[in-house]
Structure formats: structure tokens, C-alpha cells
Amino acid sequence: MKIITTNELLMALVPNVVTTVEGEQTLFEKISPELQAAEDWVARTFTGEDILDGIAADTTGTLWQRVAGIIVEDALHRAIPSLDLVLTPNGFGIVSNQNLAPASKDRVERLITKLVAQRDSYINLLIDDLRTLAEWQDTEQYQWFAASLISWPKACVNTVVDRPREGQQWDQFLQLRERAILIEDAIAEKWISPDVMTQLRTELLIVNNATVHQVALKVRSCVFNELRGMPRNHWDLDRIVNFIRNNGDIFPDWATSETARLYNAPTIFRNKKESTGYFF
């Protein structure tokens, strides 16, 4: 492991934990597999190995705090259901003594939900920080997040009929993103063009041009409406396309796109003597 490497680092991020007495396993030892799995998930999903190595080198940095928060919250929520269980010759038993009793099922479930919600908050903060790093834009992880107008979890808040329930923001983001990409691709094919859609998707993650950013927000609003079950708003999309066509200096890829040909002057039908029918 690179981020949470000692019990001291772990305990600094976990409140309300009873101090380990001599001879007992530390919390770090108990949940090391979950910590490793969580760190691997962070590297695979958000940072990549090289950037994670750089983050691990500075335990006082903001990025380390973000990543460590994700790892600890994710590891704990996965480990908690088994932390109070011990395997005996007669099967599993619950850890208890005269001073402490096992928490109720409802309390444990609420704690797990809270841990996941806190993890999701750290995820939003991490992406907000990562998108300012030029080196992150060279990673596969960046390319994945930049492949949709729903670039990161917090974009889902207040954009659908039901706000994400506590502890479900990341999962809802994944579900909405998958649906949104299908809508975005359809809009790109008939209105925006795939190349301009790529430009708009990138702009929502890495803000470079205020005008492009506003257009991206308008297109995303159309996508959100469809996610809510509303019909595709051709009127708004036509207005957006006209703006793109009239600002070729900002959207240089539009004019050479296959989609642009759909907006060229249509061929006028002319009656010919050899035609089998005539239109008046």
C-alpha cells in the first residue's frame, strides 16, 4: 500500500475508535485487505498509478487527504459487517463483553450509508482537484471522465427527478452517465457533431473558454431533460446548432463534420419530362 501505510495514519482518519491494547490486532491489521482493495480502486478509477505515487509522497498535501479519505471510508464500509464476527469451532459468533454490546442492525446500516456518503464527498473533492493538474489530462482516467457531459458525480445533484439518496451518489452517477452517453451520441449525430460534442464534454471538465462552457451547459440541460423523461427539445437544439454554425472560430471542427452536411442547402426538386409524375 502507498497511502495508508500505518495504523497511526489510519487512526487519524477514523473517529471514535477504542485504543488497541497490547496483544490485540490493530484496526490497520484487521482491514488491510479492504484498504488495499480501496487503494487499487482509486488508482484504477481516478488517478492512475503514476499520479498516485506522487500523491503518496506528500502526506500533508490536499490530494493525499482526498485520496486517503476515499480509501478509508470505502474500506471501512466494506469491512464493518464482519468486524464484530469471530469464527469459532461451532460457527460465527458476535464479539461482546460486559462493557460493550454489538450495535443494532439499523445502526450498522446507517453507519455504512454514512461512510459511503462521505466517500462520495471525497470523490467530488478529488476530481475537482485533479482537473487542475495538467498531467492528469494524459491519463486514461481523465479520458473516461471526459467522455460524457455528466463529468463527475456532483453533476447529478438537482438534475434528475429524485435527488441521490445518501450513500448512492456514485452509483447513481454511473447509471445516469451510461444513459446520458446514449442521448449525447444521438444529439451529436443529428445536431452537434461528434467532434464538437467531444469539445463540449472536455470543456465541462476542464474549463478553457467561457462561451464554449455555456454551450456545453445548454446541451447538458437538454440531456438532463431527457433523463427526466421529457421529449427531445428540437427547438433548443436547433438554436444551439445555429450558434455553433455562426461561431466557426470557436467551433472549428463543425464545418468539416459529417453532421454539418445535414444543414447545407437541400437539393431542390425539379420537374423533368422523363419523370413518371409531377408535383405542383
C-alpha atoms as a PDB file:
ATOM      1  CA  MET A   1       0.000   0.000   0.000  1.00  0.00           C
ATOM      2  CA  LYS A   2       1.075   3.552  -0.738  1.00  0.00           C
ATOM      3  CA  ILE A   3      -1.376   5.843   1.038  1.00  0.00           C
ATOM      4  CA  ILE A   4      -2.486   4.303   4.351  1.00  0.00           C
ATOM      5  CA  THR A   5       0.699   2.545   5.395  1.00  0.00           C
ATOM      6  CA  THR A   6       0.469   2.547   9.196  1.00  0.00           C
ATOM      7  CA  ASN A   7      -2.123   2.213  11.920  1.00  0.00           C
ATOM      8  CA  GLU A   8      -1.287   5.755  13.043  1.00  0.00           C
ATOM      9  CA  LEU A   9      -2.256   7.198   9.650  1.00  0.00           C
ATOM     10  CA  LEU A  10      -5.441   5.163   9.674  1.00  0.00           C
ATOM     11  CA  MET A  11      -6.448   6.121  13.218  1.00  0.00           C
ATOM     12  CA  ALA A  12      -6.008   9.812  12.439  1.00  0.00           C
ATOM     13  CA  LEU A  13      -8.818   9.459   9.907  1.00  0.00           C
ATOM     14  CA  VAL A  14     -11.153   7.250  11.955  1.00  0.00           C
ATOM     15  CA  PRO A  15     -13.007   8.922  14.860  1.00  0.00           C
ATOM     16  CA  ASN A  16     -14.421   7.187  17.946  1.00  0.00           C
ATOM     17  CA  VAL A  17     -12.187   4.120  17.907  1.00  0.00           C
ATOM     18  CA  VAL A  18     -11.159   2.389  21.137  1.00  0.00           C
ATOM     19  CA  THR A  19      -7.381   2.215  21.564  1.00  0.00           C
ATOM     20  CA  THR A  20      -5.905  -1.190  20.802  1.00  0.00           C
ATOM     21  CA  VAL A  21      -4.430  -2.942  23.850  1.00  0.00           C
ATOM     22  CA  GLU A  22      -1.249  -4.955  23.772  1.00  0.00           C
ATOM     23  CA  GLY A  23      -1.699  -8.309  22.076  1.00  0.00           C
ATOM     24  CA  GLU A  24      -4.746  -7.288  20.054  1.00  0.00           C
ATOM     25  CA  GLN A  25      -4.776  -6.781  16.310  1.00  0.00           C
ATOM     26  CA  THR A  26      -4.804  -3.145  15.254  1.00  0.00           C
ATOM     27  CA  LEU A  27      -7.581  -1.839  13.037  1.00  0.00           C
ATOM     28  CA  PHE A  28      -4.975  -1.450  10.300  1.00  0.00           C
ATOM     29  CA  GLU A  29      -4.155  -5.156  10.505  1.00  0.00           C
ATOM     30  CA  LYS A  30      -7.818  -6.131  10.561  1.00  0.00           C
ATOM     31  CA  ILE A  31      -8.829  -4.213   7.441  1.00  0.00           C
ATOM     32  CA  SER A  32      -5.575  -4.269   5.426  1.00  0.00           C
ATOM     33  CA  PRO A  33      -7.183  -6.284   2.589  1.00  0.00           C
ATOM     34  CA  GLU A  34     -10.001  -3.760   2.298  1.00  0.00           C
ATOM     35  CA  LEU A  35      -7.532  -0.847   2.405  1.00  0.00           C
ATOM     36  CA  GLN A  36      -5.512  -2.398  -0.400  1.00  0.00           C
ATOM     37  CA  ALA A  37      -8.616  -3.069  -2.478  1.00  0.00           C
ATOM     38  CA  ALA A  38      -9.812   0.509  -1.963  1.00  0.00           C
ATOM     39  CA  GLU A  39      -6.433   1.944  -2.956  1.00  0.00           C
ATOM     40  CA  ASP A  40      -6.356  -0.204  -6.089  1.00  0.00           C
ATOM     41  CA  TRP A  41      -9.844   1.071  -6.949  1.00  0.00           C
ATOM     42  CA  VAL A  42      -8.763   4.695  -6.521  1.00  0.00           C
ATOM     43  CA  ALA A  43      -5.743   4.210  -8.785  1.00  0.00           C
ATOM     44  CA  ARG A  44      -7.750   2.329 -11.413  1.00  0.00           C
ATOM     45  CA  THR A  45     -10.729   4.704 -11.391  1.00  0.00           C
ATOM     46  CA  PHE A  46      -9.425   8.180 -10.560  1.00  0.00           C
ATOM     47  CA  THR A  47      -5.684   8.788 -10.523  1.00  0.00           C
ATOM     48  CA  GLY A  48      -3.630   6.172 -12.319  1.00  0.00           C
ATOM     49  CA  GLU A  49      -0.529   4.683 -10.701  1.00  0.00           C
ATOM     50  CA  ASP A  50       1.922   7.473 -11.536  1.00  0.00           C
ATOM     51  CA  ILE A  51      -0.191  10.257 -10.069  1.00  0.00           C
ATOM     52  CA  LEU A  52      -0.992   8.116  -7.029  1.00  0.00           C
ATOM     53  CA  ASP A  53       2.759   7.689  -6.442  1.00  0.00           C
ATOM     54  CA  GLY A  54       3.157  11.457  -6.420  1.00  0.00           C
ATOM     55  CA  ILE A  55       0.237  11.897  -4.031  1.00  0.00           C
ATOM     56  CA  ALA A  56       1.635   9.262  -1.669  1.00  0.00           C
ATOM     57  CA  ALA A  57       4.886  11.193  -1.371  1.00  0.00           C
ATOM     58  CA  ASP A  58       3.225  14.130   0.397  1.00  0.00           C
ATOM     59  CA  THR A  59       1.112  13.014   3.360  1.00  0.00           C
ATOM     60  CA  THR A  60       0.382  16.644   4.288  1.00  0.00           C
ATOM     61  CA  GLY A  61      -0.964  17.613   0.875  1.00  0.00           C
ATOM     62  CA  THR A  62      -4.603  18.220  -0.013  1.00  0.00           C
ATOM     63  CA  LEU A  63      -4.623  15.471  -2.624  1.00  0.00           C
ATOM     64  CA  TRP A  64      -3.357  12.965  -0.054  1.00  0.00           C
ATOM     65  CA  GLN A  65      -6.202  13.939   2.272  1.00  0.00           C
ATOM     66  CA  ARG A  66      -8.754  13.446  -0.515  1.00  0.00           C
ATOM     67  CA  VAL A  67      -7.390  10.068  -1.593  1.00  0.00           C
ATOM     68  CA  ALA A  68      -6.895   8.855   1.970  1.00  0.00           C
ATOM     69  CA  GLY A  69     -10.472   9.826   2.800  1.00  0.00           C
ATOM     70  CA  ILE A  70     -11.832   7.817  -0.125  1.00  0.00           C
ATOM     71  CA  ILE A  71      -9.716   4.782   0.767  1.00  0.00           C
ATOM     72  CA  VAL A  72     -10.571   4.752   4.471  1.00  0.00           C
ATOM     73  CA  GLU A  73     -14.309   5.353   4.028  1.00  0.00           C
ATOM     74  CA  ASP A  74     -14.556   2.751   1.274  1.00  0.00           C
ATOM     75  CA  ALA A  75     -12.507   0.162   3.185  1.00  0.00           C
ATOM     76  CA  LEU A  76     -14.468   0.635   6.411  1.00  0.00           C
ATOM     77  CA  HIS A  77     -17.885   0.364   4.797  1.00  0.00           C
ATOM     78  CA  ARG A  78     -16.855  -2.948   3.257  1.00  0.00           C
ATOM     79  CA  ALA A  79     -15.192  -4.283   6.397  1.00  0.00           C
ATOM     80  CA  ILE A  80     -17.731  -3.254   9.034  1.00  0.00           C
ATOM     81  CA  PRO A  81     -20.196  -6.138   8.550  1.00  0.00           C
ATOM     82  CA  SER A  82     -17.507  -8.636   9.554  1.00  0.00           C
ATOM     83  CA  LEU A  83     -15.564  -6.671  12.179  1.00  0.00           C
ATOM     84  CA  ASP A  84     -17.718  -7.914  15.065  1.00  0.00           C
ATOM     85  CA  LEU A  85     -17.718 -11.550  13.929  1.00  0.00           C
ATOM     86  CA  VAL A  86     -15.288 -14.266  15.000  1.00  0.00           C
ATOM     87  CA  LEU A  87     -15.039 -17.791  13.656  1.00  0.00           C
ATOM     88  CA  THR A  88     -15.334 -20.490  16.324  1.00  0.00           C
ATOM     89  CA  PRO A  89     -15.375 -24.285  16.047  1.00  0.00           C
ATOM     90  CA  ASN A  90     -19.156 -24.035  16.250  1.00  0.00           C
ATOM     91  CA  GLY A  91     -19.539 -21.302  13.646  1.00  0.00           C
ATOM     92  CA  PHE A  92     -19.559 -17.488  13.695  1.00  0.00           C
ATOM     93  CA  GLY A  93     -20.077 -15.592  16.936  1.00  0.00           C
ATOM     94  CA  ILE A  94     -20.526 -11.909  17.871  1.00  0.00           C
ATOM     95  CA  VAL A  95     -17.786 -10.080  19.744  1.00  0.00           C
ATOM     96  CA  SER A  96     -19.159  -8.757  23.050  1.00  0.00           C
ATOM     97  CA  ASN A  97     -18.267  -8.270  26.714  1.00  0.00           C
ATOM     98  CA  GLN A  98     -19.706  -6.654  29.820  1.00  0.00           C
ATOM     99  CA  ASN A  99     -18.789  -3.132  28.713  1.00  0.00           C
ATOM    100  CA  LEU A 100     -19.643  -3.215  25.005  1.00  0.00           C
ATOM    101  CA  ALA A 101     -22.529  -4.780  23.129  1.00  0.00           C
ATOM    102  CA  PRO A 102     -22.985  -5.166  19.411  1.00  0.00           C
ATOM    103  CA  ALA A 103     -24.724  -2.279  17.662  1.00  0.00           C
ATOM    104  CA  SER A 104     -28.170  -2.921  16.239  1.00  0.00           C
ATOM    105  CA  LYS A 105     -28.567  -3.822  12.581  1.00  0.00           C
ATOM    106  CA  ASP A 106     -30.167  -0.427  11.861  1.00  0.00           C
ATOM    107  CA  ARG A 107     -27.271   1.476  13.427  1.00  0.00           C
ATOM    108  CA  VAL A 108     -24.719  -0.536  11.481  1.00  0.00           C
ATOM    109  CA  GLU A 109     -26.598   0.083   8.236  1.00  0.00           C
ATOM    110  CA  ARG A 110     -26.798   3.812   8.965  1.00  0.00           C
ATOM    111  CA  LEU A 111     -23.077   3.884   9.647  1.00  0.00           C
ATOM    112  CA  ILE A 112     -22.306   2.090   6.396  1.00  0.00           C
ATOM    113  CA  THR A 113     -24.535   4.528   4.481  1.00  0.00           C
ATOM    114  CA  LYS A 114     -22.778   7.474   6.128  1.00  0.00           C
ATOM    115  CA  LEU A 115     -19.356   6.105   5.261  1.00  0.00           C
ATOM    116  CA  VAL A 116     -20.310   5.709   1.603  1.00  0.00           C
ATOM    117  CA  ALA A 117     -21.758   9.240   1.535  1.00  0.00           C
ATOM    118  CA  GLN A 118     -18.536  10.636   2.986  1.00  0.00           C
ATOM    119  CA  ARG A 119     -16.539   8.640   0.441  1.00  0.00           C
ATOM    120  CA  ASP A 120     -18.616  10.152  -2.367  1.00  0.00           C
ATOM    121  CA  SER A 121     -17.974  13.643  -0.999  1.00  0.00           C
ATOM    122  CA  TYR A 122     -14.232  12.967  -1.081  1.00  0.00           C
ATOM    123  CA  ILE A 123     -14.591  11.725  -4.673  1.00  0.00           C
ATOM    124  CA  ASN A 124     -16.095  15.049  -5.767  1.00  0.00           C
ATOM    125  CA  LEU A 125     -13.338  16.966  -3.997  1.00  0.00           C
ATOM    126  CA  LEU A 126     -10.653  14.768  -5.557  1.00  0.00           C
ATOM    127  CA  ILE A 127     -11.936  15.227  -9.105  1.00  0.00           C
ATOM    128  CA  ASP A 128     -12.215  18.971  -8.507  1.00  0.00           C
ATOM    129  CA  ASP A 129      -8.513  18.997  -7.591  1.00  0.00           C
ATOM    130  CA  LEU A 130      -7.353  16.540 -10.263  1.00  0.00           C
ATOM    131  CA  ARG A 131      -8.874  18.505 -13.124  1.00  0.00           C
ATOM    132  CA  THR A 132      -6.445  21.359 -12.423  1.00  0.00           C
ATOM    133  CA  LEU A 133      -3.440  19.069 -12.957  1.00  0.00           C
ATOM    134  CA  ALA A 134      -2.064  19.072 -16.494  1.00  0.00           C
ATOM    135  CA  GLU A 135      -0.545  15.623 -16.018  1.00  0.00           C
ATOM    136  CA  TRP A 136      -3.947  14.150 -15.153  1.00  0.00           C
ATOM    137  CA  GLN A 137      -5.177  15.055 -18.629  1.00  0.00           C
ATOM    138  CA  ASP A 138      -2.755  12.473 -20.041  1.00  0.00           C
ATOM    139  CA  THR A 139      -4.301   9.591 -18.115  1.00  0.00           C
ATOM    140  CA  GLU A 140      -6.885   7.005 -19.093  1.00  0.00           C
ATOM    141  CA  GLN A 141      -8.877   8.031 -16.035  1.00  0.00           C
ATOM    142  CA  TYR A 142      -9.232  11.595 -17.316  1.00  0.00           C
ATOM    143  CA  GLN A 143     -10.309  10.323 -20.730  1.00  0.00           C
ATOM    144  CA  TRP A 144     -13.061   8.283 -19.088  1.00  0.00           C
ATOM    145  CA  PHE A 145     -14.458  11.196 -17.090  1.00  0.00           C
ATOM    146  CA  ALA A 146     -14.237  13.486 -20.125  1.00  0.00           C
ATOM    147  CA  ALA A 147     -16.283  11.087 -22.280  1.00  0.00           C
ATOM    148  CA  SER A 148     -19.673  12.400 -21.110  1.00  0.00           C
ATOM    149  CA  LEU A 149     -21.373  15.697 -20.339  1.00  0.00           C
ATOM    150  CA  ILE A 150     -22.050  14.189 -16.898  1.00  0.00           C
ATOM    151  CA  SER A 151     -18.403  14.514 -15.980  1.00  0.00           C
ATOM    152  CA  TRP A 152     -18.472  13.792 -12.265  1.00  0.00           C
ATOM    153  CA  PRO A 153     -20.893  12.753  -9.504  1.00  0.00           C
ATOM    154  CA  LYS A 154     -21.856  16.199  -8.257  1.00  0.00           C
ATOM    155  CA  ALA A 155     -23.256  16.978 -11.714  1.00  0.00           C
ATOM    156  CA  CYS A 156     -26.134  14.629 -10.854  1.00  0.00           C
ATOM    157  CA  VAL A 157     -27.346  16.675  -7.903  1.00  0.00           C
ATOM    158  CA  ASN A 158     -30.610  18.504  -8.674  1.00  0.00           C
ATOM    159  CA  THR A 159     -30.582  17.272 -12.276  1.00  0.00           C
ATOM    160  CA  VAL A 160     -32.986  14.372 -12.063  1.00  0.00           C
ATOM    161  CA  VAL A 161     -36.446  13.892 -10.620  1.00  0.00           C
ATOM    162  CA  ASP A 162     -35.170  12.298  -7.431  1.00  0.00           C
ATOM    163  CA  ARG A 163     -32.057  13.624  -5.724  1.00  0.00           C
ATOM    164  CA  PRO A 164     -29.485  10.924  -4.931  1.00  0.00           C
ATOM    165  CA  ARG A 165     -30.183   9.239  -1.631  1.00  0.00           C
ATOM    166  CA  GLU A 166     -27.444   9.419   0.960  1.00  0.00           C
ATOM    167  CA  GLY A 167     -24.729   6.958   0.088  1.00  0.00           C
ATOM    168  CA  GLN A 168     -25.889   6.461  -3.501  1.00  0.00           C
ATOM    169  CA  GLN A 169     -24.392   9.386  -5.393  1.00  0.00           C
ATOM    170  CA  TRP A 170     -21.530   7.459  -7.030  1.00  0.00           C
ATOM    171  CA  ASP A 171     -23.764   4.571  -8.065  1.00  0.00           C
ATOM    172  CA  GLN A 172     -26.376   6.944  -9.474  1.00  0.00           C
ATOM    173  CA  PHE A 173     -23.670   8.830 -11.345  1.00  0.00           C
ATOM    174  CA  LEU A 174     -22.574   5.619 -13.064  1.00  0.00           C
ATOM    175  CA  GLN A 175     -26.144   4.760 -14.025  1.00  0.00           C
ATOM    176  CA  LEU A 176     -27.016   8.248 -15.304  1.00  0.00           C
ATOM    177  CA  ARG A 177     -23.748   8.565 -17.172  1.00  0.00           C
ATOM    178  CA  GLU A 178     -24.397   5.348 -19.085  1.00  0.00           C
ATOM    179  CA  ARG A 179     -27.861   6.564 -20.108  1.00  0.00           C
ATOM    180  CA  ALA A 180     -26.623  10.077 -20.856  1.00  0.00           C
ATOM    181  CA  ILE A 181     -23.924   8.937 -23.278  1.00  0.00           C
ATOM    182  CA  LEU A 182     -26.560   7.293 -25.498  1.00  0.00           C
ATOM    183  CA  ILE A 183     -28.550  10.541 -25.575  1.00  0.00           C
ATOM    184  CA  GLU A 184     -25.426  12.627 -26.157  1.00  0.00           C
ATOM    185  CA  ASP A 185     -24.326  10.459 -29.080  1.00  0.00           C
ATOM    186  CA  ALA A 186     -27.763  10.780 -30.713  1.00  0.00           C
ATOM    187  CA  ILE A 187     -27.666  14.567 -30.298  1.00  0.00           C
ATOM    188  CA  ALA A 188     -24.131  14.662 -31.667  1.00  0.00           C
ATOM    189  CA  GLU A 189     -25.061  12.719 -34.783  1.00  0.00           C
ATOM    190  CA  LYS A 190     -28.005  14.925 -35.781  1.00  0.00           C
ATOM    191  CA  TRP A 191     -27.162  18.316 -34.281  1.00  0.00           C
ATOM    192  CA  ILE A 192     -23.835  18.976 -32.594  1.00  0.00           C
ATOM    193  CA  SER A 193     -21.464  16.611 -34.472  1.00  0.00           C
ATOM    194  CA  PRO A 194     -19.250  14.092 -32.652  1.00  0.00           C
ATOM    195  CA  ASP A 195     -16.192  16.362 -32.775  1.00  0.00           C
ATOM    196  CA  VAL A 196     -17.977  19.345 -31.251  1.00  0.00           C
ATOM    197  CA  MET A 197     -19.594  17.069 -28.667  1.00  0.00           C
ATOM    198  CA  THR A 198     -16.102  15.952 -27.638  1.00  0.00           C
ATOM    199  CA  GLN A 199     -15.131  19.616 -27.308  1.00  0.00           C
ATOM    200  CA  LEU A 200     -18.170  20.314 -25.113  1.00  0.00           C
ATOM    201  CA  ARG A 201     -17.593  17.268 -22.916  1.00  0.00           C
ATOM    202  CA  THR A 202     -13.988  18.273 -22.317  1.00  0.00           C
ATOM    203  CA  GLU A 203     -14.987  21.852 -21.578  1.00  0.00           C
ATOM    204  CA  LEU A 204     -17.251  20.803 -18.714  1.00  0.00           C
ATOM    205  CA  LEU A 205     -14.339  19.063 -17.018  1.00  0.00           C
ATOM    206  CA  ILE A 206     -11.515  21.463 -17.916  1.00  0.00           C
ATOM    207  CA  VAL A 207     -12.880  24.992 -18.324  1.00  0.00           C
ATOM    208  CA  ASN A 208     -10.927  26.809 -21.043  1.00  0.00           C
ATOM    209  CA  ASN A 209     -13.472  29.018 -22.801  1.00  0.00           C
ATOM    210  CA  ALA A 210     -16.465  30.681 -21.162  1.00  0.00           C
ATOM    211  CA  THR A 211     -18.554  30.683 -24.346  1.00  0.00           C
ATOM    212  CA  VAL A 212     -17.933  27.004 -25.065  1.00  0.00           C
ATOM    213  CA  HIS A 213     -18.687  26.254 -21.428  1.00  0.00           C
ATOM    214  CA  GLN A 214     -22.088  27.945 -21.657  1.00  0.00           C
ATOM    215  CA  VAL A 215     -22.949  26.000 -24.813  1.00  0.00           C
ATOM    216  CA  ALA A 216     -21.918  22.779 -23.072  1.00  0.00           C
ATOM    217  CA  LEU A 217     -24.219  23.599 -20.153  1.00  0.00           C
ATOM    218  CA  LYS A 218     -27.130  24.212 -22.538  1.00  0.00           C
ATOM    219  CA  VAL A 219     -26.594  20.889 -24.291  1.00  0.00           C
ATOM    220  CA  ARG A 220     -26.262  19.129 -20.957  1.00  0.00           C
ATOM    221  CA  SER A 221     -29.541  20.698 -19.863  1.00  0.00           C
ATOM    222  CA  CYS A 222     -31.215  19.096 -22.893  1.00  0.00           C
ATOM    223  CA  VAL A 223     -29.701  15.754 -21.892  1.00  0.00           C
ATOM    224  CA  PHE A 224     -30.905  16.149 -18.309  1.00  0.00           C
ATOM    225  CA  ASN A 225     -34.442  16.848 -19.535  1.00  0.00           C
ATOM    226  CA  GLU A 226     -34.443  13.599 -21.477  1.00  0.00           C
ATOM    227  CA  LEU A 227     -33.158  11.753 -18.432  1.00  0.00           C
ATOM    228  CA  ARG A 228     -36.208  13.131 -16.627  1.00  0.00           C
ATOM    229  CA  GLY A 229     -38.415  11.555 -19.281  1.00  0.00           C
ATOM    230  CA  MET A 230     -39.135  14.660 -21.337  1.00  0.00           C
ATOM    231  CA  PRO A 231     -39.119  14.530 -25.175  1.00  0.00           C
ATOM    232  CA  ARG A 232     -36.078  15.765 -27.066  1.00  0.00           C
ATOM    233  CA  ASN A 233     -36.206  19.556 -27.401  1.00  0.00           C
ATOM    234  CA  HIS A 234     -35.544  20.092 -31.128  1.00  0.00           C
ATOM    235  CA  TRP A 235     -36.164  23.830 -30.819  1.00  0.00           C
ATOM    236  CA  ASP A 236     -33.405  24.381 -28.276  1.00  0.00           C
ATOM    237  CA  LEU A 237     -31.006  22.086 -30.119  1.00  0.00           C
ATOM    238  CA  ASP A 238     -31.618  23.913 -33.409  1.00  0.00           C
ATOM    239  CA  ARG A 239     -30.824  27.230 -31.714  1.00  0.00           C
ATOM    240  CA  ILE A 240     -27.638  25.748 -30.256  1.00  0.00           C
ATOM    241  CA  VAL A 241     -26.584  24.454 -33.679  1.00  0.00           C
ATOM    242  CA  ASN A 242     -27.191  27.844 -35.275  1.00  0.00           C
ATOM    243  CA  PHE A 243     -24.965  29.440 -32.661  1.00  0.00           C
ATOM    244  CA  ILE A 244     -22.241  26.874 -33.337  1.00  0.00           C
ATOM    245  CA  ARG A 245     -22.524  27.426 -37.120  1.00  0.00           C
ATOM    246  CA  ASN A 246     -22.216  31.183 -36.681  1.00  0.00           C
ATOM    247  CA  ASN A 247     -19.141  30.911 -34.449  1.00  0.00           C
ATOM    248  CA  GLY A 248     -16.777  28.834 -36.534  1.00  0.00           C
ATOM    249  CA  ASP A 249     -13.748  30.417 -34.905  1.00  0.00           C
ATOM    250  CA  ILE A 250     -14.773  28.875 -31.565  1.00  0.00           C
ATOM    251  CA  PHE A 251     -16.025  25.598 -33.022  1.00  0.00           C
ATOM    252  CA  PRO A 252     -13.623  24.963 -35.925  1.00  0.00           C
ATOM    253  CA  ASP A 253     -14.484  21.259 -36.226  1.00  0.00           C
ATOM    254  CA  TRP A 254     -18.122  21.892 -37.037  1.00  0.00           C
ATOM    255  CA  ALA A 255     -17.769  22.990 -40.690  1.00  0.00           C
ATOM    256  CA  THR A 256     -15.850  19.873 -41.749  1.00  0.00           C
ATOM    257  CA  SER A 257     -18.075  17.402 -39.899  1.00  0.00           C
ATOM    258  CA  GLU A 258     -20.490  14.956 -41.490  1.00  0.00           C
ATOM    259  CA  THR A 259     -23.244  16.452 -39.371  1.00  0.00           C
ATOM    260  CA  ALA A 260     -22.690  19.895 -40.907  1.00  0.00           C
ATOM    261  CA  ARG A 261     -23.650  18.500 -44.313  1.00  0.00           C
ATOM    262  CA  LEU A 262     -27.152  17.898 -42.976  1.00  0.00           C
ATOM    263  CA  TYR A 263     -27.528  21.666 -42.665  1.00  0.00           C
ATOM    264  CA  ASN A 264     -26.334  22.540 -46.152  1.00  0.00           C
ATOM    265  CA  ALA A 265     -28.934  23.875 -48.586  1.00  0.00           C
ATOM    266  CA  PRO A 266     -31.115  20.940 -49.679  1.00  0.00           C
ATOM    267  CA  THR A 267     -31.280  19.898 -53.312  1.00  0.00           C
ATOM    268  CA  ILE A 268     -34.300  21.495 -54.979  1.00  0.00           C
ATOM    269  CA  PHE A 269     -36.645  19.088 -56.748  1.00  0.00           C
ATOM    270  CA  ARG A 270     -37.206  19.970 -60.395  1.00  0.00           C
ATOM    271  CA  ASN A 271     -39.861  18.508 -62.655  1.00  0.00           C
ATOM    272  CA  LYS A 272     -38.416  16.717 -65.649  1.00  0.00           C
ATOM    273  CA  LYS A 273     -40.133  15.393 -68.767  1.00  0.00           C
ATOM    274  CA  GLU A 274     -38.806  11.916 -68.096  1.00  0.00           C
ATOM    275  CA  SER A 275     -40.214  11.887 -64.582  1.00  0.00           C
ATOM    276  CA  THR A 276     -43.106   9.497 -64.038  1.00  0.00           C
ATOM    277  CA  GLY A 277     -45.015  12.089 -62.063  1.00  0.00           C
ATOM    278  CA  TYR A 278     -45.147  15.796 -61.391  1.00  0.00           C
ATOM    279  CA  PHE A 279     -45.540  17.854 -58.244  1.00  0.00           C
ATOM    280  CA  PHE A 280     -47.343  21.224 -58.281  1.00  0.00           C
END
